Protein backbone atom coordinates (compact mmCIF):
# COMPACT_ATOMS: atom_id res chain seq x y z
CA GLY A 1 -58.59 -52.07 -40.39
CA VAL A 2 -62.00 -50.56 -40.13
CA VAL A 3 -63.10 -51.48 -43.67
CA ASN A 4 -62.33 -55.18 -43.12
CA TRP A 5 -64.11 -55.11 -39.75
CA PHE A 6 -67.18 -53.50 -41.36
CA LYS A 7 -67.23 -56.04 -44.21
CA SER A 8 -66.94 -58.89 -41.70
CA ARG A 9 -69.80 -57.53 -39.56
CA ASN A 10 -71.94 -56.91 -42.64
CA ASN A 11 -71.42 -60.49 -43.87
CA GLU A 12 -72.36 -61.86 -40.43
CA THR A 13 -75.55 -59.78 -40.42
CA LEU A 14 -76.48 -60.89 -43.94
CA LYS A 15 -75.91 -64.56 -43.10
CA GLY A 16 -78.16 -64.24 -40.06
CA SER A 17 -80.92 -62.59 -42.06
CA LEU A 18 -81.03 -65.24 -44.81
CA ALA A 19 -83.55 -67.20 -42.75
CA PHE A 20 -86.05 -64.41 -43.45
CA VAL A 21 -85.51 -64.30 -47.23
CA PRO A 22 -87.78 -66.64 -49.21
CA TRP A 23 -85.85 -69.48 -50.84
CA ILE A 24 -87.08 -68.50 -54.32
CA VAL A 25 -85.44 -65.07 -53.93
CA GLN A 26 -82.21 -66.65 -52.64
CA GLN A 27 -82.16 -69.09 -55.55
CA SER A 28 -82.70 -66.31 -58.09
CA TYR A 29 -79.89 -64.28 -56.53
CA PHE A 30 -77.38 -67.15 -56.54
CA GLU A 31 -78.30 -68.08 -60.12
CA GLY A 32 -77.72 -64.48 -61.22
CA GLY A 33 -81.36 -63.88 -62.11
CA LEU A 34 -82.12 -61.17 -59.57
CA ASP A 35 -82.07 -57.88 -61.44
CA GLU A 36 -83.48 -54.58 -60.22
CA GLY A 37 -87.06 -54.20 -61.34
CA LYS A 38 -87.42 -57.89 -62.16
CA ILE A 39 -90.38 -59.79 -60.74
CA ILE A 40 -89.72 -63.24 -59.32
CA MET A 41 -92.60 -65.65 -59.66
CA HIS A 42 -93.05 -69.12 -58.26
CA ARG A 43 -96.07 -71.34 -58.63
CA GLY A 44 -96.66 -74.10 -56.16
CA SER A 45 -99.22 -75.89 -54.06
CA GLY A 46 -100.30 -74.46 -50.76
CA ALA A 47 -103.12 -74.02 -48.30
CA VAL A 48 -104.55 -71.18 -46.27
CA VAL A 49 -106.48 -71.64 -43.05
CA PHE A 50 -108.76 -69.00 -41.60
CA SER A 51 -109.70 -69.75 -38.04
CA ASP A 52 -111.37 -67.91 -35.19
CA ALA A 53 -110.56 -68.92 -31.64
CA SER A 54 -113.16 -67.48 -29.31
CA GLY A 55 -111.53 -65.64 -26.40
CA PHE A 56 -108.07 -65.59 -27.99
CA THR A 57 -107.35 -61.92 -27.22
CA ALA A 58 -108.32 -62.33 -23.56
CA LEU A 59 -106.18 -65.47 -23.36
CA THR A 60 -103.11 -63.74 -24.80
CA GLU A 61 -103.55 -60.81 -22.42
CA ARG A 62 -103.65 -63.16 -19.42
CA LEU A 63 -100.66 -65.16 -20.63
CA ALA A 64 -98.59 -62.05 -21.46
CA VAL A 65 -98.04 -61.33 -17.76
CA LYS A 66 -96.72 -64.82 -17.00
CA SER A 67 -93.02 -65.66 -17.29
CA ASN A 68 -93.85 -68.79 -19.30
CA GLY A 69 -96.74 -67.20 -21.20
CA ALA A 70 -95.25 -67.84 -24.65
CA GLU A 71 -94.86 -71.55 -23.91
CA LEU A 72 -98.40 -71.78 -22.55
CA LEU A 73 -99.75 -69.98 -25.61
CA SER A 74 -97.87 -72.39 -27.85
CA GLN A 75 -99.46 -75.33 -26.03
CA CYS A 76 -102.93 -73.77 -26.38
CA LEU A 77 -102.45 -73.18 -30.11
CA THR A 78 -101.15 -76.70 -30.66
CA ALA A 79 -104.19 -78.11 -28.86
CA PHE A 80 -106.52 -75.86 -30.87
CA PHE A 81 -105.11 -76.86 -34.27
CA THR A 82 -104.66 -80.58 -33.62
């Protein structure tokens, strides 16, 4: 009945949201190491880039009104970073 339907819908929602949960949290959960109040730490290599693209806000405002604005913005960003 309703309980089974709700459980099914809840499971579908959770599966869809896993893409937004960091893998280290997922791993801790499945290994049984995710307790309330416990801090999960992971050390690894990484990089951070700070960049300023002159005129970016004006560009996004112009592209926002176009039907293919997101694709054009993606092309601009790819060209800027490569």
